[in-house]
Amino acid sequence: RGWPAHVRGRVAFRLTDALAPWNDGAWELTVEDGAGTLARAAAEPDLTLDVRGFAVLYCGAATGRAAAQAGLAGGNGDPAALDLLASGPPARLLDYF
């Protein structure tokens, strides 16, 4: 999927995933030069994100604030910081049903 080359930033969040608990934990996304790197965060983040919220943000289908209003993101930080996840082009699925 990628990100636009001019987009740079970092956002940390605690992810919860009831179906795949190995995804649970604190993560930090770093975006620069058109690519993103997701790594475990060293400190506890201010933002929380349900895996469903991560999915809609990564696909570009919602903003961080919209995810928070839907109950898919929360915490003490500004959910607009999660917009970094949604800043790339829309995700595509090359399949036929």
PDB file of N, CA and C in Angstrom:
ATOM      1  N   ARG A   1       0.829  -1.188   0.000  1.00  0.00           N
ATOM      2  CA  ARG A   1       0.000   0.000   0.000  1.00  0.00           C
ATOM      3  C   ARG A   1       0.869   1.246   0.000  1.00  0.00           C
ATOM      4  N   GLY A   2       1.787   1.382   0.913  1.00  0.00           N
ATOM      5  CA  GLY A   2       2.702   2.522   0.938  1.00  0.00           C
ATOM      6  C   GLY A   2       2.076   3.820   1.412  1.00  0.00           C
ATOM      7  N   TRP A   3       2.904   4.824   1.497  1.00  0.00           N
ATOM      8  CA  TRP A   3       2.505   6.168   1.888  1.00  0.00           C
ATOM      9  C   TRP A   3       3.126   7.137   0.900  1.00  0.00           C
ATOM     10  N   PRO A   4       2.539   8.334   0.751  1.00  0.00           N
ATOM     11  CA  PRO A   4       3.158   9.339  -0.121  1.00  0.00           C
ATOM     12  C   PRO A   4       4.568   9.675   0.380  1.00  0.00           C
ATOM     13  N   ALA A   5       5.478   9.951  -0.544  1.00  0.00           N
ATOM     14  CA  ALA A   5       6.879  10.201  -0.192  1.00  0.00           C
ATOM     15  C   ALA A   5       7.049  11.398   0.741  1.00  0.00           C
ATOM     16  N   HIS A   6       6.143  12.373   0.683  1.00  0.00           N
ATOM     17  CA  HIS A   6       6.290  13.572   1.514  1.00  0.00           C
ATOM     18  C   HIS A   6       5.777  13.379   2.945  1.00  0.00           C
ATOM     19  N   VAL A   7       5.077  12.289   3.215  1.00  0.00           N
ATOM     20  CA  VAL A   7       4.508  12.061   4.550  1.00  0.00           C
ATOM     21  C   VAL A   7       5.589  11.518   5.478  1.00  0.00           C
ATOM     22  N   ARG A   8       5.725  12.180   6.633  1.00  0.00           N
ATOM     23  CA  ARG A   8       6.670  11.743   7.653  1.00  0.00           C
ATOM     24  C   ARG A   8       6.002  11.885   9.010  1.00  0.00           C
ATOM     25  N   GLY A   9       6.279  10.951   9.882  1.00  0.00           N
ATOM     26  CA  GLY A   9       5.733  11.059  11.223  1.00  0.00           C
ATOM     27  C   GLY A   9       5.843   9.767  12.000  1.00  0.00           C
ATOM     28  N   ARG A  10       5.430   9.862  13.261  1.00  0.00           N
ATOM     29  CA  ARG A  10       5.405   8.712  14.167  1.00  0.00           C
ATOM     30  C   ARG A  10       4.129   8.775  14.979  1.00  0.00           C
ATOM     31  N   VAL A  11       3.581   7.605  15.246  1.00  0.00           N
ATOM     32  CA  VAL A  11       2.436   7.518  16.143  1.00  0.00           C
ATOM     33  C   VAL A  11       2.551   6.201  16.910  1.00  0.00           C
ATOM     34  N   ALA A  12       2.336   6.284  18.204  1.00  0.00           N
ATOM     35  CA  ALA A  12       2.368   5.095  19.054  1.00  0.00           C
ATOM     36  C   ALA A  12       0.957   4.823  19.562  1.00  0.00           C
ATOM     37  N   PHE A  13       0.624   3.553  19.685  1.00  0.00           N
ATOM     38  CA  PHE A  13      -0.710   3.161  20.145  1.00  0.00           C
ATOM     39  C   PHE A  13      -0.646   1.775  20.771  1.00  0.00           C
ATOM     40  N   ARG A  14      -1.590   1.516  21.666  1.00  0.00           N
ATOM     41  CA  ARG A  14      -1.753   0.175  22.232  1.00  0.00           C
ATOM     42  C   ARG A  14      -2.832  -0.512  21.420  1.00  0.00           C
ATOM     43  N   LEU A  15      -2.495  -1.637  20.816  1.00  0.00           N
ATOM     44  CA  LEU A  15      -3.417  -2.394  19.977  1.00  0.00           C
ATOM     45  C   LEU A  15      -4.013  -3.543  20.776  1.00  0.00           C
ATOM     46  N   THR A  16      -5.321  -3.756  20.626  1.00  0.00           N
ATOM     47  CA  THR A  16      -5.985  -4.913  21.218  1.00  0.00           C
ATOM     48  C   THR A  16      -6.596  -5.745  20.103  1.00  0.00           C
ATOM     49  N   ASP A  17      -6.405  -7.055  20.201  1.00  0.00           N
ATOM     50  CA  ASP A  17      -6.899  -7.978  19.181  1.00  0.00           C
ATOM     51  C   ASP A  17      -7.333  -9.260  19.878  1.00  0.00           C
ATOM     52  N   ALA A  18      -8.634  -9.430  20.082  1.00  0.00           N
ATOM     53  CA  ALA A  18      -9.166 -10.591  20.799  1.00  0.00           C
ATOM     54  C   ALA A  18      -8.964 -11.894  20.030  1.00  0.00           C
ATOM     55  N   LEU A  19      -8.896 -11.833  18.710  1.00  0.00           N
ATOM     56  CA  LEU A  19      -8.759 -13.046  17.906  1.00  0.00           C
ATOM     57  C   LEU A  19      -7.307 -13.465  17.683  1.00  0.00           C
ATOM     58  N   ALA A  20      -6.388 -12.537  17.782  1.00  0.00           N
ATOM     59  CA  ALA A  20      -4.964 -12.832  17.586  1.00  0.00           C
ATOM     60  C   ALA A  20      -4.173 -12.116  18.678  1.00  0.00           C
ATOM     61  N   PRO A  21      -4.142 -12.689  19.892  1.00  0.00           N
ATOM     62  CA  PRO A  21      -3.537 -11.992  21.029  1.00  0.00           C
ATOM     63  C   PRO A  21      -2.060 -11.665  20.861  1.00  0.00           C
ATOM     64  N   TRP A  22      -1.377 -12.297  19.919  1.00  0.00           N
ATOM     65  CA  TRP A  22       0.029 -11.959  19.677  1.00  0.00           C
ATOM     66  C   TRP A  22       0.173 -10.557  19.082  1.00  0.00           C
ATOM     67  N   ASN A  23      -0.930  -9.983  18.604  1.00  0.00           N
ATOM     68  CA  ASN A  23      -0.908  -8.603  18.104  1.00  0.00           C
ATOM     69  C   ASN A  23      -1.063  -7.582  19.223  1.00  0.00           C
ATOM     70  N   ASP A  24      -1.575  -8.027  20.388  1.00  0.00           N
ATOM     71  CA  ASP A  24      -1.782  -7.112  21.510  1.00  0.00           C
ATOM     72  C   ASP A  24      -0.458  -6.488  21.934  1.00  0.00           C
ATOM     73  N   GLY A  25      -0.526  -5.222  22.316  1.00  0.00           N
ATOM     74  CA  GLY A  25       0.655  -4.577  22.860  1.00  0.00           C
ATOM     75  C   GLY A  25       0.825  -3.168  22.352  1.00  0.00           C
ATOM     76  N   ALA A  26       1.919  -2.570  22.784  1.00  0.00           N
ATOM     77  CA  ALA A  26       2.249  -1.195  22.410  1.00  0.00           C
ATOM     78  C   ALA A  26       3.077  -1.214  21.129  1.00  0.00           C
ATOM     79  N   TRP A  27       2.653  -0.439  20.147  1.00  0.00           N
ATOM     80  CA  TRP A  27       3.299  -0.378  18.831  1.00  0.00           C
ATOM     81  C   TRP A  27       3.599   1.066  18.457  1.00  0.00           C
ATOM     82  N   GLU A  28       4.616   1.250  17.628  1.00  0.00           N
ATOM     83  CA  GLU A  28       4.937   2.572  17.089  1.00  0.00           C
ATOM     84  C   GLU A  28       5.110   2.457  15.579  1.00  0.00           C
ATOM     85  N   LEU A  29       4.337   3.262  14.855  1.00  0.00           N
ATOM     86  CA  LEU A  29       4.451   3.334  13.403  1.00  0.00           C
ATOM     87  C   LEU A  29       5.299   4.544  13.052  1.00  0.00           C
ATOM     88  N   THR A  30       6.335   4.324  12.262  1.00  0.00           N
ATOM     89  CA  THR A  30       7.176   5.399  11.742  1.00  0.00           C
ATOM     90  C   THR A  30       7.031   5.402  10.231  1.00  0.00           C
ATOM     91  N   VAL A  31       6.691   6.559   9.664  1.00  0.00           N
ATOM     92  CA  VAL A  31       6.514   6.694   8.219  1.00  0.00           C
ATOM     93  C   VAL A  31       7.493   7.739   7.710  1.00  0.00           C
ATOM     94  N   GLU A  32       8.252   7.370   6.668  1.00  0.00           N
ATOM     95  CA  GLU A  32       9.142   8.315   5.987  1.00  0.00           C
ATOM     96  C   GLU A  32       9.535   7.739   4.634  1.00  0.00           C
ATOM     97  N   ASP A  33       9.756   8.617   3.687  1.00  0.00           N
ATOM     98  CA  ASP A  33      10.197   8.241   2.339  1.00  0.00           C
ATOM     99  C   ASP A  33       9.295   7.201   1.677  1.00  0.00           C
ATOM    100  N   GLY A  34       7.997   7.304   1.910  1.00  0.00           N
ATOM    101  CA  GLY A  34       7.039   6.431   1.246  1.00  0.00           C
ATOM    102  C   GLY A  34       6.869   5.055   1.850  1.00  0.00           C
ATOM    103  N   ALA A  35       7.489   4.802   2.997  1.00  0.00           N
ATOM    104  CA  ALA A  35       7.395   3.484   3.622  1.00  0.00           C
ATOM    105  C   ALA A  35       7.101   3.621   5.108  1.00  0.00           C
ATOM    106  N   GLY A  36       6.463   2.609   5.658  1.00  0.00           N
ATOM    107  CA  GLY A  36       6.165   2.583   7.080  1.00  0.00           C
ATOM    108  C   GLY A  36       6.858   1.421   7.756  1.00  0.00           C
ATOM    109  N   THR A  37       7.244   1.636   9.010  1.00  0.00           N
ATOM    110  CA  THR A  37       7.845   0.591   9.827  1.00  0.00           C
ATOM    111  C   THR A  37       7.052   0.502  11.114  1.00  0.00           C
ATOM    112  N   LEU A  38       6.596  -0.685  11.451  1.00  0.00           N
ATOM    113  CA  LEU A  38       5.848  -0.910  12.679  1.00  0.00           C
ATOM    114  C   LEU A  38       6.717  -1.733  13.617  1.00  0.00           C
ATOM    115  N   ALA A  39       6.964  -1.199  14.818  1.00  0.00           N
ATOM    116  CA  ALA A  39       7.810  -1.887  15.793  1.00  0.00           C
ATOM    117  C   ALA A  39       7.172  -1.766  17.170  1.00  0.00           C
ATOM    118  N   ARG A  40       7.548  -2.663  18.049  1.00  0.00           N
ATOM    119  CA  ARG A  40       7.062  -2.582  19.428  1.00  0.00           C
ATOM    120  C   ARG A  40       7.537  -1.267  20.045  1.00  0.00           C
ATOM    121  N   ALA A  41       6.638  -0.600  20.755  1.00  0.00           N
ATOM    122  CA  ALA A  41       6.967   0.674  21.408  1.00  0.00           C
ATOM    123  C   ALA A  41       7.621   0.399  22.759  1.00  0.00           C
ATOM    124  N   ALA A  42       8.586   1.226  23.110  1.00  0.00           N
ATOM    125  CA  ALA A  42       9.297   1.068  24.377  1.00  0.00           C
ATOM    126  C   ALA A  42       8.475   1.586  25.553  1.00  0.00           C
ATOM    127  N   ALA A  43       7.695   2.631  25.339  1.00  0.00           N
ATOM    128  CA  ALA A  43       6.907   3.249  26.409  1.00  0.00           C
ATOM    129  C   ALA A  43       5.420   2.997  26.169  1.00  0.00           C
ATOM    130  N   GLU A  44       4.643   3.137  27.219  1.00  0.00           N
ATOM    131  CA  GLU A  44       3.193   2.961  27.101  1.00  0.00           C
ATOM    132  C   GLU A  44       2.597   4.159  26.359  1.00  0.00           C
ATOM    133  N   PRO A  45       1.912   3.930  25.233  1.00  0.00           N
ATOM    134  CA  PRO A  45       1.343   5.032  24.454  1.00  0.00           C
ATOM    135  C   PRO A  45       0.082   5.610  25.091  1.00  0.00           C
ATOM    136  N   ASP A  46      -0.247   6.835  24.676  1.00  0.00           N
ATOM    137  CA  ASP A  46      -1.455   7.511  25.147  1.00  0.00           C
ATOM    138  C   ASP A  46      -2.699   7.082  24.382  1.00  0.00           C
ATOM    139  N   LEU A  47      -2.525   6.478  23.215  1.00  0.00           N
ATOM    140  CA  LEU A  47      -3.657   6.099  22.375  1.00  0.00           C
ATOM    141  C   LEU A  47      -3.881   4.596  22.409  1.00  0.00           C
ATOM    142  N   THR A  48      -5.145   4.195  22.340  1.00  0.00           N
ATOM    143  CA  THR A  48      -5.498   2.786  22.241  1.00  0.00           C
ATOM    144  C   THR A  48      -6.259   2.579  20.942  1.00  0.00           C
ATOM    145  N   LEU A  49      -6.119   1.384  20.385  1.00  0.00           N
ATOM    146  CA  LEU A  49      -6.724   1.107  19.090  1.00  0.00           C
ATOM    147  C   LEU A  49      -7.138  -0.353  19.039  1.00  0.00           C
ATOM    148  N   ASP A  50      -8.392  -0.598  18.738  1.00  0.00           N
ATOM    149  CA  ASP A  50      -8.901  -1.937  18.500  1.00  0.00           C
ATOM    150  C   ASP A  50      -8.423  -2.381  17.118  1.00  0.00           C
ATOM    151  N   VAL A  51      -8.219  -3.674  16.906  1.00  0.00           N
ATOM    152  CA  VAL A  51      -7.729  -4.146  15.613  1.00  0.00           C
ATOM    153  C   VAL A  51      -8.695  -3.773  14.482  1.00  0.00           C
ATOM    154  N   ARG A  52      -9.989  -3.669  14.786  1.00  0.00           N
ATOM    155  CA  ARG A  52     -10.947  -3.235  13.757  1.00  0.00           C
ATOM    156  C   ARG A  52     -10.695  -1.779  13.386  1.00  0.00           C
ATOM    157  N   GLY A  53     -10.342  -0.957  14.373  1.00  0.00           N
ATOM    158  CA  GLY A  53      -9.988   0.433  14.097  1.00  0.00           C
ATOM    159  C   GLY A  53      -8.716   0.532  13.279  1.00  0.00           C
ATOM    160  N   PHE A  54      -7.737  -0.322  13.603  1.00  0.00           N
ATOM    161  CA  PHE A  54      -6.497  -0.359  12.818  1.00  0.00           C
ATOM    162  C   PHE A  54      -6.816  -0.675  11.362  1.00  0.00           C
ATOM    163  N   ALA A  55      -7.708  -1.633  11.140  1.00  0.00           N
ATOM    164  CA  ALA A  55      -8.057  -2.042   9.774  1.00  0.00           C
ATOM    165  C   ALA A  55      -8.694  -0.904   8.987  1.00  0.00           C
ATOM    166  N   VAL A  56      -9.660  -0.199   9.582  1.00  0.00           N
ATOM    167  CA  VAL A  56     -10.315   0.878   8.822  1.00  0.00           C
ATOM    168  C   VAL A  56      -9.370   2.050   8.588  1.00  0.00           C
ATOM    169  N   LEU A  57      -8.466   2.298   9.525  1.00  0.00           N
ATOM    170  CA  LEU A  57      -7.483   3.362   9.321  1.00  0.00           C
ATOM    171  C   LEU A  57      -6.482   2.971   8.241  1.00  0.00           C
ATOM    172  N   TYR A  58      -5.965   1.761   8.307  1.00  0.00           N
ATOM    173  CA  TYR A  58      -4.974   1.320   7.328  1.00  0.00           C
ATOM    174  C   TYR A  58      -5.548   1.299   5.912  1.00  0.00           C
ATOM    175  N   CYS A  59      -6.819   0.958   5.799  1.00  0.00           N
ATOM    176  CA  CYS A  59      -7.465   0.940   4.476  1.00  0.00           C
ATOM    177  C   CYS A  59      -7.848   2.335   4.004  1.00  0.00           C
ATOM    178  N   GLY A  60      -7.711   3.340   4.868  1.00  0.00           N
ATOM    179  CA  GLY A  60      -8.058   4.707   4.495  1.00  0.00           C
ATOM    180  C   GLY A  60      -9.547   4.974   4.527  1.00  0.00           C
ATOM    181  N   ALA A  61     -10.307   4.126   5.230  1.00  0.00           N
ATOM    182  CA  ALA A  61     -11.761   4.254   5.256  1.00  0.00           C
ATOM    183  C   ALA A  61     -12.269   5.162   6.369  1.00  0.00           C
ATOM    184  N   ALA A  62     -11.392   5.614   7.272  1.00  0.00           N
ATOM    185  CA  ALA A  62     -11.829   6.465   8.385  1.00  0.00           C
ATOM    186  C   ALA A  62     -10.650   7.298   8.870  1.00  0.00           C
ATOM    187  N   THR A  63     -10.967   8.333   9.613  1.00  0.00           N
ATOM    188  CA  THR A  63      -9.953   9.135  10.297  1.00  0.00           C
ATOM    189  C   THR A  63      -9.824   8.636  11.733  1.00  0.00           C
ATOM    190  N   GLY A  64      -8.799   9.084  12.423  1.00  0.00           N
ATOM    191  CA  GLY A  64      -8.636   8.721  13.821  1.00  0.00           C
ATOM    192  C   GLY A  64      -9.808   9.173  14.673  1.00  0.00           C
ATOM    193  N   ARG A  65     -10.301  10.366  14.417  1.00  0.00           N
ATOM    194  CA  ARG A  65     -11.445  10.859  15.199  1.00  0.00           C
ATOM    195  C   ARG A  65     -12.710  10.063  14.897  1.00  0.00           C
ATOM    196  N   ALA A  66     -12.901   9.662  13.642  1.00  0.00           N
ATOM    197  CA  ALA A  66     -14.066   8.836  13.300  1.00  0.00           C
ATOM    198  C   ALA A  66     -13.962   7.471  13.979  1.00  0.00           C
ATOM    199  N   ALA A  67     -12.756   6.913  14.026  1.00  0.00           N
ATOM    200  CA  ALA A  67     -12.558   5.637  14.715  1.00  0.00           C
ATOM    201  C   ALA A  67     -12.858   5.784  16.204  1.00  0.00           C
ATOM    202  N   ALA A  68     -12.458   6.902  16.800  1.00  0.00           N
ATOM    203  CA  ALA A  68     -12.743   7.147  18.213  1.00  0.00           C
ATOM    204  C   ALA A  68     -14.244   7.291  18.447  1.00  0.00           C
ATOM    205  N   GLN A  69     -14.931   8.008  17.573  1.00  0.00           N
ATOM    206  CA  GLN A  69     -16.381   8.171  17.715  1.00  0.00           C
ATOM    207  C   GLN A  69     -17.111   6.841  17.585  1.00  0.00           C
ATOM    208  N   ALA A  70     -16.546   5.906  16.825  1.00  0.00           N
ATOM    209  CA  ALA A  70     -17.153   4.583  16.649  1.00  0.00           C
ATOM    210  C   ALA A  70     -16.751   3.616  17.766  1.00  0.00           C
ATOM    211  N   GLY A  71     -15.926   4.083  18.704  1.00  0.00           N
ATOM    212  CA  GLY A  71     -15.495   3.234  19.806  1.00  0.00           C
ATOM    213  C   GLY A  71     -14.348   2.300  19.457  1.00  0.00           C
ATOM    214  N   LEU A  72     -13.659   2.557  18.346  1.00  0.00           N
ATOM    215  CA  LEU A  72     -12.562   1.704  17.901  1.00  0.00           C
ATOM    216  C   LEU A  72     -11.193   2.250  18.282  1.00  0.00           C
ATOM    217  N   ALA A  73     -11.145   3.454  18.835  1.00  0.00           N
ATOM    218  CA  ALA A  73      -9.901   4.080  19.290  1.00  0.00           C
ATOM    219  C   ALA A  73     -10.219   4.891  20.536  1.00  0.00           C
ATOM    220  N   GLY A  74      -9.227   5.117  21.358  1.00  0.00           N
ATOM    221  CA  GLY A  74      -9.452   5.882  22.579  1.00  0.00           C
ATOM    222  C   GLY A  74      -8.136   6.254  23.223  1.00  0.00           C
ATOM    223  N   GLY A  75      -8.196   6.469  24.524  1.00  0.00           N
ATOM    224  CA  GLY A  75      -7.010   6.852  25.277  1.00  0.00           C
ATOM    225  C   GLY A  75      -7.011   8.326  25.592  1.00  0.00           C
ATOM    226  N   ASN A  76      -5.878   8.798  26.110  1.00  0.00           N
ATOM    227  CA  ASN A  76      -5.746  10.190  26.527  1.00  0.00           C
ATOM    228  C   ASN A  76      -5.195  11.099  25.441  1.00  0.00           C
ATOM    229  N   GLY A  77      -4.658  10.543  24.369  1.00  0.00           N
ATOM    230  CA  GLY A  77      -4.091  11.349  23.292  1.00  0.00           C
ATOM    231  C   GLY A  77      -5.146  11.779  22.290  1.00  0.00           C
ATOM    232  N   ASP A  78      -4.754  12.649  21.375  1.00  0.00           N
ATOM    233  CA  ASP A  78      -5.642  13.116  20.309  1.00  0.00           C
ATOM    234  C   ASP A  78      -5.726  12.030  19.241  1.00  0.00           C
ATOM    235  N   PRO A  79      -6.915  11.471  19.000  1.00  0.00           N
ATOM    236  CA  PRO A  79      -7.029  10.405  18.004  1.00  0.00           C
ATOM    237  C   PRO A  79      -6.670  10.848  16.590  1.00  0.00           C
ATOM    238  N   ALA A  80      -6.610  12.150  16.337  1.00  0.00           N
ATOM    239  CA  ALA A  80      -6.207  12.630  15.011  1.00  0.00           C
ATOM    240  C   ALA A  80      -4.773  12.217  14.689  1.00  0.00           C
ATOM    241  N   ALA A  81      -3.959  11.935  15.712  1.00  0.00           N
ATOM    242  CA  ALA A  81      -2.592  11.461  15.468  1.00  0.00           C
ATOM    243  C   ALA A  81      -2.595  10.135  14.716  1.00  0.00           C
ATOM    244  N   LEU A  82      -3.673   9.368  14.852  1.00  0.00           N
ATOM    245  CA  LEU A  82      -3.785   8.085  14.155  1.00  0.00           C
ATOM    246  C   LEU A  82      -4.018   8.256  12.657  1.00  0.00           C
ATOM    247  N   ASP A  83      -4.280   9.471  12.217  1.00  0.00           N
ATOM    248  CA  ASP A  83      -4.483   9.720  10.782  1.00  0.00           C
ATOM    249  C   ASP A  83      -3.249   9.358   9.963  1.00  0.00           C
ATOM    250  N   LEU A  84      -2.088   9.266  10.611  1.00  0.00           N
ATOM    251  CA  LEU A  84      -0.881   8.842   9.909  1.00  0.00           C
ATOM    252  C   LEU A  84      -1.082   7.460   9.288  1.00  0.00           C
ATOM    253  N   LEU A  85      -1.850   6.604   9.977  1.00  0.00           N
ATOM    254  CA  LEU A  85      -2.141   5.277   9.433  1.00  0.00           C
ATOM    255  C   LEU A  85      -2.938   5.362   8.141  1.00  0.00           C
ATOM    256  N   ALA A  86      -3.779   6.379   8.017  1.00  0.00           N
ATOM    257  CA  ALA A  86      -4.701   6.491   6.884  1.00  0.00           C
ATOM    258  C   ALA A  86      -4.193   7.415   5.789  1.00  0.00           C
ATOM    259  N   SER A  87      -2.958   7.880   5.882  1.00  0.00           N
ATOM    260  CA  SER A  87      -2.504   8.930   4.969  1.00  0.00           C
ATOM    261  C   SER A  87      -2.034   8.435   3.609  1.00  0.00           C
ATOM    262  N   GLY A  88      -2.035   7.153   3.374  1.00  0.00           N
ATOM    263  CA  GLY A  88      -1.613   6.624   2.076  1.00  0.00           C
ATOM    264  C   GLY A  88      -2.769   6.493   1.113  1.00  0.00           C
ATOM    265  N   PRO A  89      -2.488   5.963  -0.064  1.00  0.00           N
ATOM    266  CA  PRO A  89      -3.561   5.740  -1.032  1.00  0.00           C
ATOM    267  C   PRO A  89      -4.498   4.646  -0.530  1.00  0.00           C
ATOM    268  N   PRO A  90      -5.707   4.585  -1.061  1.00  0.00           N
ATOM    269  CA  PRO A  90      -6.640   3.540  -0.615  1.00  0.00           C
ATOM    270  C   PRO A  90      -6.062   2.145  -0.867  1.00  0.00           C
ATOM    271  N   ALA A  91      -6.366   1.238   0.035  1.00  0.00           N
ATOM    272  CA  ALA A  91      -5.945  -0.153  -0.151  1.00  0.00           C
ATOM    273  C   ALA A  91      -6.747  -0.763  -1.292  1.00  0.00           C
ATOM    274  N   ARG A  92      -6.152  -1.711  -1.966  1.00  0.00           N
ATOM    275  CA  ARG A  92      -6.823  -2.368  -3.092  1.00  0.00           C
ATOM    276  C   ARG A  92      -6.822  -3.872  -2.869  1.00  0.00           C
ATOM    277  N   LEU A  93      -7.892  -4.500  -3.284  1.00  0.00           N
ATOM    278  CA  LEU A  93      -8.005  -5.949  -3.220  1.00  0.00           C
ATOM    279  C   LEU A  93      -8.219  -6.455  -4.630  1.00  0.00           C
ATOM    280  N   LEU A  94      -7.232  -7.138  -5.147  1.00  0.00           N
ATOM    281  CA  LEU A  94      -7.314  -7.660  -6.507  1.00  0.00           C
ATOM    282  C   LEU A  94      -7.898  -9.067  -6.448  1.00  0.00           C
ATOM    283  N   ASP A  95      -9.212  -9.116  -6.400  1.00  0.00           N
ATOM    284  CA  ASP A  95      -9.908 -10.390  -6.326  1.00  0.00           C
ATOM    285  C   ASP A  95     -11.240 -10.251  -7.035  1.00  0.00           C
ATOM    286  N   TYR A  96     -11.828 -11.342  -7.349  1.00  0.00           N
ATOM    287  CA  TYR A  96     -13.116 -11.344  -8.033  1.00  0.00           C
ATOM    288  C   TYR A  96     -14.046 -12.280  -7.284  1.00  0.00           C
ATOM    289  N   PHE A  97     -15.260 -11.815  -7.030  1.00  0.00           N
ATOM    290  CA  PHE A  97     -16.256 -12.638  -6.343  1.00  0.00           C
ATOM    291  C   PHE A  97     -17.417 -12.908  -7.258  1.00  0.00           C
TER     292      PHE A  97
END
